[in-house]
PDB file of N, CA and C in Angstrom:
ATOM      1  N   UNK A   1     -25.173  10.520  10.661  1.00  0.00           N
ATOM      2  CA  UNK A   1     -23.986   9.845  10.734  1.00  0.00           C
ATOM      3  C   UNK A   1     -23.441  11.414  10.535  1.00  0.00           C
ATOM      4  N   UNK A   2     -22.448  10.637  12.201  1.00  0.00           N
ATOM      5  CA  UNK A   2     -20.714  11.612  13.058  1.00  0.00           C
ATOM      6  C   UNK A   2     -19.523  11.622  12.149  1.00  0.00           C
ATOM      7  N   UNK A   3     -19.272  11.910  10.859  1.00  0.00           N
ATOM      8  CA  UNK A   3     -18.376  12.748  10.523  1.00  0.00           C
ATOM      9  C   UNK A   3     -17.310  12.405  10.950  1.00  0.00           C
ATOM     10  N   UNK A   4     -15.663  11.196  11.235  1.00  0.00           N
ATOM     11  CA  UNK A   4     -15.044  11.358  11.512  1.00  0.00           C
ATOM     12  C   UNK A   4     -13.899  11.302  11.150  1.00  0.00           C
ATOM     13  N   UNK A   5     -12.769  12.666  11.517  1.00  0.00           N
ATOM     14  CA  UNK A   5     -11.173  12.782  10.642  1.00  0.00           C
ATOM     15  C   UNK A   5     -10.476  12.004  10.502  1.00  0.00           C
ATOM     16  N   UNK A   6     -10.004  12.403   8.819  1.00  0.00           N
ATOM     17  CA  UNK A   6      -8.746  11.272   8.757  1.00  0.00           C
ATOM     18  C   UNK A   6      -8.386  10.535   9.089  1.00  0.00           C
ATOM     19  N   UNK A   7      -6.979  11.527   9.455  1.00  0.00           N
ATOM     20  CA  UNK A   7      -6.545  11.535  11.398  1.00  0.00           C
ATOM     21  C   UNK A   7      -6.180  10.239  12.232  1.00  0.00           C
ATOM     22  N   UNK A   8      -7.667  10.713  12.922  1.00  0.00           N
ATOM     23  CA  UNK A   8      -8.550   9.262  14.011  1.00  0.00           C
ATOM     24  C   UNK A   8      -9.377   8.297  12.982  1.00  0.00           C
ATOM     25  N   UNK A   9      -9.059   8.394  11.693  1.00  0.00           N
ATOM     26  CA  UNK A   9      -9.455   6.844  11.372  1.00  0.00           C
ATOM     27  C   UNK A   9      -8.395   6.037  11.297  1.00  0.00           C
ATOM     28  N   UNK A  10      -7.139   6.716   9.963  1.00  0.00           N
ATOM     29  CA  UNK A  10      -6.622   5.831  10.211  1.00  0.00           C
ATOM     30  C   UNK A  10      -5.522   5.525  11.565  1.00  0.00           C
ATOM     31  N   UNK A  11      -5.372   6.185  12.274  1.00  0.00           N
ATOM     32  CA  UNK A  11      -4.276   6.003  13.492  1.00  0.00           C
ATOM     33  C   UNK A  11      -5.446   4.738  13.855  1.00  0.00           C
ATOM     34  N   UNK A  12      -6.758   4.337  14.470  1.00  0.00           N
ATOM     35  CA  UNK A  12      -7.679   3.745  14.884  1.00  0.00           C
ATOM     36  C   UNK A  12      -7.577   2.176  13.759  1.00  0.00           C
ATOM     37  N   UNK A  13      -7.210   2.501  12.849  1.00  0.00           N
ATOM     38  CA  UNK A  13      -7.192   1.565  11.739  1.00  0.00           C
ATOM     39  C   UNK A  13      -5.598   0.862  12.167  1.00  0.00           C
ATOM     40  N   UNK A  14      -4.665   1.983  12.438  1.00  0.00           N
ATOM     41  CA  UNK A  14      -2.901   1.378  12.662  1.00  0.00           C
ATOM     42  C   UNK A  14      -3.125   0.138  13.880  1.00  0.00           C
ATOM     43  N   UNK A  15      -3.992   0.968  14.749  1.00  0.00           N
ATOM     44  CA  UNK A  15      -4.261  -0.486  15.845  1.00  0.00           C
ATOM     45  C   UNK A  15      -4.916  -1.034  16.251  1.00  0.00           C
ATOM     46  N   UNK A  16      -6.074  -1.677  15.174  1.00  0.00           N
ATOM     47  CA  UNK A  16      -6.735  -2.721  14.532  1.00  0.00           C
ATOM     48  C   UNK A  16      -6.091  -4.155  13.951  1.00  0.00           C
ATOM     49  N   UNK A  17      -5.044  -2.677  12.415  1.00  0.00           N
ATOM     50  CA  UNK A  17      -4.616  -3.924  11.555  1.00  0.00           C
ATOM     51  C   UNK A  17      -3.408  -4.618  12.266  1.00  0.00           C
ATOM     52  N   UNK A  18      -2.757  -3.959  13.588  1.00  0.00           N
ATOM     53  CA  UNK A  18      -1.472  -4.008  14.625  1.00  0.00           C
ATOM     54  C   UNK A  18      -2.784  -5.362  15.325  1.00  0.00           C
ATOM     55  N   UNK A  19      -2.929  -4.806  15.497  1.00  0.00           N
ATOM     56  CA  UNK A  19      -4.158  -6.641  16.861  1.00  0.00           C
ATOM     57  C   UNK A  19      -4.380  -7.520  15.967  1.00  0.00           C
ATOM     58  N   UNK A  20      -4.971  -6.804  14.099  1.00  0.00           N
ATOM     59  CA  UNK A  20      -5.440  -8.372  13.921  1.00  0.00           C
ATOM     60  C   UNK A  20      -3.686  -9.559  13.169  1.00  0.00           C
ATOM     61  N   UNK A  21      -2.024  -9.138  12.837  1.00  0.00           N
ATOM     62  CA  UNK A  21      -1.538  -9.135  12.147  1.00  0.00           C
ATOM     63  C   UNK A  21      -1.034 -10.157  13.194  1.00  0.00           C
ATOM     64  N   UNK A  22      -1.145 -10.198  14.631  1.00  0.00           N
ATOM     65  CA  UNK A  22      -0.306 -10.352  15.915  1.00  0.00           C
ATOM     66  C   UNK A  22      -1.579 -11.694  16.420  1.00  0.00           C
ATOM     67  N   UNK A  23      -2.389 -11.038  16.106  1.00  0.00           N
ATOM     68  CA  UNK A  23      -3.436 -12.222  15.860  1.00  0.00           C
ATOM     69  C   UNK A  23      -3.077 -13.527  14.908  1.00  0.00           C
ATOM     70  N   UNK A  24      -2.125 -12.836  13.896  1.00  0.00           N
ATOM     71  CA  UNK A  24      -2.619 -14.046  12.629  1.00  0.00           C
ATOM     72  C   UNK A  24      -1.555 -14.737  13.337  1.00  0.00           C
ATOM     73  N   UNK A  25      -0.856 -14.012  13.944  1.00  0.00           N
ATOM     74  CA  UNK A  25       0.874 -15.196  13.956  1.00  0.00           C
ATOM     75  C   UNK A  25       0.566 -16.123  15.520  1.00  0.00           C
ATOM     76  N   UNK A  26      -0.209 -15.322  16.014  1.00  0.00           N
ATOM     77  CA  UNK A  26      -0.578 -15.901  18.154  1.00  0.00           C
ATOM     78  C   UNK A  26      -0.709 -17.815  17.038  1.00  0.00           C
ATOM     79  N   UNK A  27      -1.689 -17.166  16.961  1.00  0.00           N
ATOM     80  CA  UNK A  27      -3.423 -18.257  15.829  1.00  0.00           C
ATOM     81  C   UNK A  27      -2.230 -19.379  15.358  1.00  0.00           C
ATOM     82  N   UNK A  28      -1.107 -19.186  14.182  1.00  0.00           N
ATOM     83  CA  UNK A  28      -0.150 -20.018  13.544  1.00  0.00           C
ATOM     84  C   UNK A  28       0.106 -20.280  14.021  1.00  0.00           C
ATOM     85  N   UNK A  29       1.169 -19.909  15.674  1.00  0.00           N
ATOM     86  CA  UNK A  29       1.249 -20.568  16.459  1.00  0.00           C
ATOM     87  C   UNK A  29       1.042 -21.110  17.420  1.00  0.00           C
ATOM     88  N   UNK A  30      -0.240 -21.280  18.550  1.00  0.00           N
ATOM     89  CA  UNK A  30      -0.434 -22.670  18.222  1.00  0.00           C
ATOM     90  C   UNK A  30      -1.543 -23.119  17.485  1.00  0.00           C
ATOM     91  N   UNK A  31      -1.524 -22.765  16.104  1.00  0.00           N
ATOM     92  CA  UNK A  31      -2.382 -24.501  15.544  1.00  0.00           C
ATOM     93  C   UNK A  31      -0.668 -25.190  14.916  1.00  0.00           C
ATOM     94  N   UNK A  32      -0.009 -24.382  15.164  1.00  0.00           N
ATOM     95  CA  UNK A  32       1.688 -25.367  14.224  1.00  0.00           C
ATOM     96  C   UNK A  32       2.302 -26.028  16.807  1.00  0.00           C
ATOM     97  N   UNK A  33       1.761 -25.408  16.719  1.00  0.00           N
ATOM     98  CA  UNK A  33       2.395 -25.606  19.008  1.00  0.00           C
ATOM     99  C   UNK A  33       3.621 -25.465  19.046  1.00  0.00           C
ATOM    100  N   UNK A  34       4.077 -24.717  18.695  1.00  0.00           N
ATOM    101  CA  UNK A  34       4.820 -23.177  18.516  1.00  0.00           C
ATOM    102  C   UNK A  34       5.127 -22.547  19.562  1.00  0.00           C
ATOM    103  N   UNK A  35       6.484 -22.215  20.288  1.00  0.00           N
ATOM    104  CA  UNK A  35       5.897 -20.420  20.638  1.00  0.00           C
ATOM    105  C   UNK A  35       6.155 -19.905  19.798  1.00  0.00           C
ATOM    106  N   UNK A  36       5.924 -17.921  20.164  1.00  0.00           N
ATOM    107  CA  UNK A  36       6.250 -17.185  19.022  1.00  0.00           C
ATOM    108  C   UNK A  36       7.729 -16.947  19.441  1.00  0.00           C
ATOM    109  N   UNK A  37       9.047 -16.787  18.691  1.00  0.00           N
ATOM    110  CA  UNK A  37      10.514 -16.420  19.216  1.00  0.00           C
ATOM    111  C   UNK A  37      10.831 -15.123  18.613  1.00  0.00           C
ATOM    112  N   UNK A  38      12.292 -15.518  18.242  1.00  0.00           N
ATOM    113  CA  UNK A  38      12.623 -14.004  17.762  1.00  0.00           C
ATOM    114  C   UNK A  38      11.994 -13.763  17.159  1.00  0.00           C
ATOM    115  N   UNK A  39      12.302 -12.707  16.560  1.00  0.00           N
ATOM    116  CA  UNK A  39      11.916 -11.828  14.993  1.00  0.00           C
ATOM    117  C   UNK A  39      13.299 -11.076  14.535  1.00  0.00           C
ATOM    118  N   UNK A  40      13.689 -11.598  13.085  1.00  0.00           N
ATOM    119  CA  UNK A  40      14.439 -10.756  13.046  1.00  0.00           C
ATOM    120  C   UNK A  40      14.778  -9.510  12.362  1.00  0.00           C
ATOM    121  N   UNK A  41      15.772  -8.011  12.009  1.00  0.00           N
ATOM    122  CA  UNK A  41      14.851  -7.050  11.624  1.00  0.00           C
ATOM    123  C   UNK A  41      14.318  -6.490  10.720  1.00  0.00           C
ATOM    124  N   UNK A  42      13.921  -7.593   9.418  1.00  0.00           N
ATOM    125  CA  UNK A  42      14.062  -7.352   8.514  1.00  0.00           C
ATOM    126  C   UNK A  42      12.296  -7.929   9.534  1.00  0.00           C
ATOM    127  N   UNK A  43      12.157  -9.553   9.112  1.00  0.00           N
ATOM    128  CA  UNK A  43      10.856  -8.994   9.198  1.00  0.00           C
ATOM    129  C   UNK A  43      10.028  -8.287  10.442  1.00  0.00           C
ATOM    130  N   UNK A  44      10.373  -7.239  11.228  1.00  0.00           N
ATOM    131  CA  UNK A  44       9.811  -6.397  12.050  1.00  0.00           C
ATOM    132  C   UNK A  44       9.593  -5.244  11.451  1.00  0.00           C
ATOM    133  N   UNK A  45      10.246  -5.292   9.493  1.00  0.00           N
ATOM    134  CA  UNK A  45      10.787  -3.453   9.185  1.00  0.00           C
ATOM    135  C   UNK A  45       9.128  -4.821   8.179  1.00  0.00           C
ATOM    136  N   UNK A  46       9.601  -5.656   7.456  1.00  0.00           N
ATOM    137  CA  UNK A  46       7.920  -6.230   6.785  1.00  0.00           C
ATOM    138  C   UNK A  46       6.980  -6.488   8.130  1.00  0.00           C
ATOM    139  N   UNK A  47       6.248  -6.648   9.455  1.00  0.00           N
ATOM    140  CA  UNK A  47       5.575  -6.480   9.708  1.00  0.00           C
ATOM    141  C   UNK A  47       5.032  -4.717   9.966  1.00  0.00           C
ATOM    142  N   UNK A  48       6.255  -3.945  10.210  1.00  0.00           N
ATOM    143  CA  UNK A  48       5.816  -2.027  10.253  1.00  0.00           C
ATOM    144  C   UNK A  48       4.781  -1.677   8.718  1.00  0.00           C
ATOM    145  N   UNK A  49       5.885  -2.784   7.288  1.00  0.00           N
ATOM    146  CA  UNK A  49       5.219  -2.405   6.085  1.00  0.00           C
ATOM    147  C   UNK A  49       3.468  -2.853   5.970  1.00  0.00           C
ATOM    148  N   UNK A  50       3.956  -4.012   6.797  1.00  0.00           N
ATOM    149  CA  UNK A  50       2.055  -5.121   6.557  1.00  0.00           C
ATOM    150  C   UNK A  50       1.405  -3.479   7.757  1.00  0.00           C
ATOM    151  N   UNK A  51       1.216  -3.470   8.155  1.00  0.00           N
ATOM    152  CA  UNK A  51       0.579  -2.955   9.656  1.00  0.00           C
ATOM    153  C   UNK A  51       0.343  -1.328   9.099  1.00  0.00           C
ATOM    154  N   UNK A  52       1.390  -0.531   7.864  1.00  0.00           N
ATOM    155  CA  UNK A  52       0.911   0.993   7.593  1.00  0.00           C
ATOM    156  C   UNK A  52      -0.255   0.438   5.929  1.00  0.00           C
ATOM    157  N   UNK A  53       0.361  -0.614   5.461  1.00  0.00           N
ATOM    158  CA  UNK A  53      -0.522  -0.736   4.296  1.00  0.00           C
ATOM    159  C   UNK A  53      -1.732  -1.470   4.456  1.00  0.00           C
ATOM    160  N   UNK A  54      -2.027  -1.613   5.273  1.00  0.00           N
ATOM    161  CA  UNK A  54      -3.196  -2.133   5.981  1.00  0.00           C
ATOM    162  C   UNK A  54      -4.398  -1.750   6.585  1.00  0.00           C
ATOM    163  N   UNK A  55      -3.263  -0.702   7.217  1.00  0.00           N
ATOM    164  CA  UNK A  55      -4.783   0.001   7.585  1.00  0.00           C
ATOM    165  C   UNK A  55      -4.857   1.402   6.799  1.00  0.00           C
ATOM    166  N   UNK A  56      -4.337   2.188   5.933  1.00  0.00           N
ATOM    167  CA  UNK A  56      -3.264   2.370   4.664  1.00  0.00           C
ATOM    168  C   UNK A  56      -5.718   1.859   3.903  1.00  0.00           C
ATOM    169  N   UNK A  57      -5.741   0.629   3.364  1.00  0.00           N
ATOM    170  CA  UNK A  57      -6.634   0.019   2.862  1.00  0.00           C
ATOM    171  C   UNK A  57      -7.793   0.158   3.482  1.00  0.00           C
ATOM    172  N   UNK A  58      -8.309  -0.286   4.508  1.00  0.00           N
ATOM    173  CA  UNK A  58      -9.157  -0.212   5.606  1.00  0.00           C
ATOM    174  C   UNK A  58      -9.639   1.202   5.344  1.00  0.00           C
ATOM    175  N   UNK A  59      -8.666   2.311   5.870  1.00  0.00           N
ATOM    176  CA  UNK A  59      -8.903   3.565   5.953  1.00  0.00           C
ATOM    177  C   UNK A  59      -9.218   4.421   4.981  1.00  0.00           C
ATOM    178  N   UNK A  60      -9.223   3.787   3.746  1.00  0.00           N
ATOM    179  CA  UNK A  60      -9.861   4.454   2.741  1.00  0.00           C
ATOM    180  C   UNK A  60     -10.683   3.955   1.608  1.00  0.00           C
ATOM    181  N   UNK A  61     -11.120   2.127   2.110  1.00  0.00           N
ATOM    182  CA  UNK A  61     -12.268   1.776   2.177  1.00  0.00           C
ATOM    183  C   UNK A  61     -13.234   2.643   2.879  1.00  0.00           C
ATOM    184  N   UNK A  62     -13.458   2.731   4.530  1.00  0.00           N
ATOM    185  CA  UNK A  62     -13.434   3.372   5.091  1.00  0.00           C
ATOM    186  C   UNK A  62     -14.722   4.313   4.941  1.00  0.00           C
ATOM    187  N   UNK A  63     -13.096   5.495   4.960  1.00  0.00           N
ATOM    188  CA  UNK A  63     -13.581   7.079   4.330  1.00  0.00           C
ATOM    189  C   UNK A  63     -14.043   6.905   3.527  1.00  0.00           C
ATOM    190  N   UNK A  64     -15.030   6.425   2.001  1.00  0.00           N
ATOM    191  CA  UNK A  64     -15.940   6.618   0.514  1.00  0.00           C
ATOM    192  C   UNK A  64     -16.141   5.737   1.047  1.00  0.00           C
ATOM    193  N   UNK A  65     -17.075   5.029   2.112  1.00  0.00           N
ATOM    194  CA  UNK A  65     -17.977   4.286   2.469  1.00  0.00           C
ATOM    195  C   UNK A  65     -18.915   6.110   3.499  1.00  0.00           C
ATOM    196  N   UNK A  66     -18.247   7.192   4.169  1.00  0.00           N
ATOM    197  CA  UNK A  66     -19.206   7.668   4.533  1.00  0.00           C
ATOM    198  C   UNK A  66     -20.354   8.608   4.278  1.00  0.00           C
TER     199      UNK A  66
END
């Protein structure tokens, strides 16, 4: 198995985490039959923190299994 660089793995995890979080918002809005709307600066900050935390968790879990 080819070992990926940690930095590249984290970058990929960030992209996937961002897609997953956006998909969750889209799906819940679809179920609620609402449109995505305005987001507050605090909500933007929280989403960025969640994305980073999730990316780090994914990266750590994958890294330990390489």
